[in-house]
Protein backbone atom coordinates (compact mmCIF):
# COMPACT_ATOMS: atom_id res chain seq x y z
CA MET A 1 -6.50 -15.59 -7.43
CA ILE A 2 -8.29 -13.65 -4.74
CA LYS A 3 -5.19 -11.53 -4.14
CA VAL A 4 -4.97 -10.85 -7.81
CA VAL A 5 -8.61 -9.59 -7.95
CA ALA A 6 -8.13 -7.53 -4.84
CA THR A 7 -4.91 -6.00 -6.19
CA LEU A 8 -6.54 -5.16 -9.51
CA LEU A 9 -9.51 -3.47 -7.72
CA LEU A 10 -7.27 -1.51 -5.52
CA GLY A 11 -5.08 -0.51 -8.54
CA MET A 12 -8.19 0.57 -10.53
CA GLY A 13 -9.24 2.75 -7.59
CA LEU A 14 -5.91 4.30 -7.31
CA VAL A 15 -5.67 5.09 -10.99
CA VAL A 16 -8.90 7.11 -10.83
CA VAL A 17 -8.00 8.80 -7.69
CA GLY A 18 -6.17 11.47 -9.66
CA ALA A 19 -8.84 11.62 -12.46
CA GLY A 20 -10.31 15.01 -12.85
CA CYS A 21 -7.97 16.58 -10.42
CA GLU A 22 -7.47 20.21 -11.04
CA SER A 23 -5.20 22.51 -9.21
CA LYS A 24 -7.14 25.54 -8.18
CA PRO A 25 -5.74 28.32 -5.83
CA GLU A 26 -8.97 28.97 -4.42
CA ALA A 27 -9.51 25.31 -3.46
CA ALA A 28 -7.02 25.67 -0.69
CA SER A 29 -9.00 28.52 0.80
CA LYS A 30 -12.31 26.64 0.90
CA PRO A 31 -13.33 25.66 4.46
CA ALA A 32 -13.31 22.00 5.32
CA ALA A 33 -16.69 20.21 5.53
CA ALA A 34 -18.16 20.08 8.99
CA ASP A 35 -18.03 16.26 9.12
CA SER A 36 -15.70 14.63 6.76
CA LYS A 37 -16.07 11.23 8.29
CA PRO A 38 -17.39 8.61 5.93
CA VAL A 39 -20.94 7.42 6.51
CA ALA A 40 -21.65 3.85 5.32
CA ALA A 41 -25.42 4.52 5.88
CA ALA A 42 -25.24 7.05 3.00
CA ALA A 43 -24.09 4.48 0.66
CA ALA A 44 -26.59 1.94 1.90
CA ALA A 45 -29.37 4.53 1.57
CA GLY A 46 -28.78 4.91 -2.18
CA GLY A 47 -28.76 1.12 -2.80
CA ASP A 48 -24.91 1.17 -3.19
CA SER A 49 -24.22 -1.05 -0.21
CA VAL A 50 -21.70 -3.93 -0.52
CA GLY A 51 -22.42 -5.19 2.86
CA VAL A 52 -18.82 -4.63 4.05
CA LYS A 53 -18.42 -1.59 6.24
CA GLU A 54 -15.08 -0.56 4.84
CA CYS A 55 -16.22 -0.84 1.30
CA ASP A 56 -19.47 1.15 2.12
CA ASP A 57 -17.30 3.75 3.75
CA TYR A 58 -15.17 4.00 0.77
CA LEU A 59 -18.15 4.19 -1.55
CA ALA A 60 -19.77 6.90 0.44
CA LYS A 61 -16.57 8.95 0.45
CA PHE A 62 -15.92 8.37 -3.21
CA LYS A 63 -19.38 9.48 -4.18
CA VAL A 64 -18.67 12.85 -2.46
CA CYS A 65 -15.40 12.97 -4.44
CA VAL A 66 -17.30 12.44 -7.71
CA SER A 67 -19.63 15.25 -6.77
CA LYS A 68 -16.68 17.58 -6.26
CA THR A 69 -14.91 16.64 -9.34
CA PRO A 70 -14.69 19.06 -12.32
CA ASP A 71 -17.20 18.09 -15.04
CA VAL A 72 -14.38 16.99 -17.39
CA GLY A 73 -13.35 14.24 -14.88
CA LYS A 74 -16.80 13.09 -13.58
CA PRO A 75 -17.29 10.39 -16.25
CA ALA A 76 -14.02 8.66 -15.40
CA MET A 77 -14.74 8.85 -11.65
CA GLN A 78 -18.33 7.56 -11.96
CA GLN A 79 -17.19 4.77 -14.08
CA ALA A 80 -14.61 3.77 -11.53
CA TYR A 81 -17.27 4.10 -8.77
CA ASP A 82 -19.65 1.86 -10.65
CA ALA A 83 -16.94 -0.81 -11.42
CA ASN A 84 -15.71 -0.89 -7.84
CA LEU A 85 -19.40 -1.26 -6.54
CA GLN A 86 -20.24 -4.06 -9.03
CA MET A 87 -17.01 -5.95 -8.36
CA TRP A 88 -17.13 -5.63 -4.67
CA LYS A 89 -20.72 -6.69 -4.59
CA GLN A 90 -19.80 -9.82 -6.52
CA LEU A 91 -16.87 -10.55 -4.09
CA ALA A 92 -18.89 -9.94 -1.05
CA ALA A 93 -21.53 -12.45 -2.32
CA GLU A 94 -18.88 -15.34 -2.21
CA PRO A 95 -17.78 -16.49 1.17
CA ALA A 96 -14.23 -17.44 -0.17
CA THR A 97 -13.62 -13.79 -1.26
CA LYS A 98 -15.62 -11.67 1.10
CA GLY A 99 -12.92 -11.84 3.83
CA THR A 100 -10.50 -10.00 1.49
CA LEU A 101 -12.72 -7.04 1.18
CA PRO A 102 -12.11 -5.15 4.45
CA SER A 103 -8.46 -4.68 3.88
CA THR A 104 -8.83 -3.99 0.21
CA CYS A 105 -11.46 -1.35 0.69
CA LYS A 106 -9.54 0.23 3.69
CA GLN A 107 -6.58 0.58 1.42
CA ALA A 108 -8.63 2.15 -1.27
CA PHE A 109 -10.24 4.43 1.24
CA ASP A 110 -6.94 5.59 2.49
CA ALA A 111 -5.70 6.32 -1.01
CA LEU A 112 -8.58 8.83 -1.51
CA ALA A 113 -6.65 11.11 0.88
CA SER A 114 -4.34 12.02 -2.03
CA ASN A 115 -7.24 13.18 -4.22
CA PRO A 116 -7.92 16.89 -3.64
CA ASN A 117 -11.52 16.44 -4.53
CA CYS A 118 -11.91 13.94 -1.63
CA LYS A 119 -10.74 16.32 1.01
């Protein structure tokens, strides 16, 4: 059951990775952010902490992705963010499922690399 929930969460995150993606020639010429490392403290500061570093890192980076997403894709991205946050908080609250979150969230974090809004 735990693996099913974790797989569903990862799948939900991966489906949304491409939401709102828009190919723009000028996007390739934009300079990279000075520090693209995720900051779990940023997620925690906004009350969006799951309490699992890998999940908090994912949420911090995903929040940046949402902010860079064209308006047409923002609602879907925000909905996925909110769903992941809520589900991961529930899983983190249970000792039986909390141990599955680091690897699940790490996989979701790594998948963000394929979204142009997350680079």
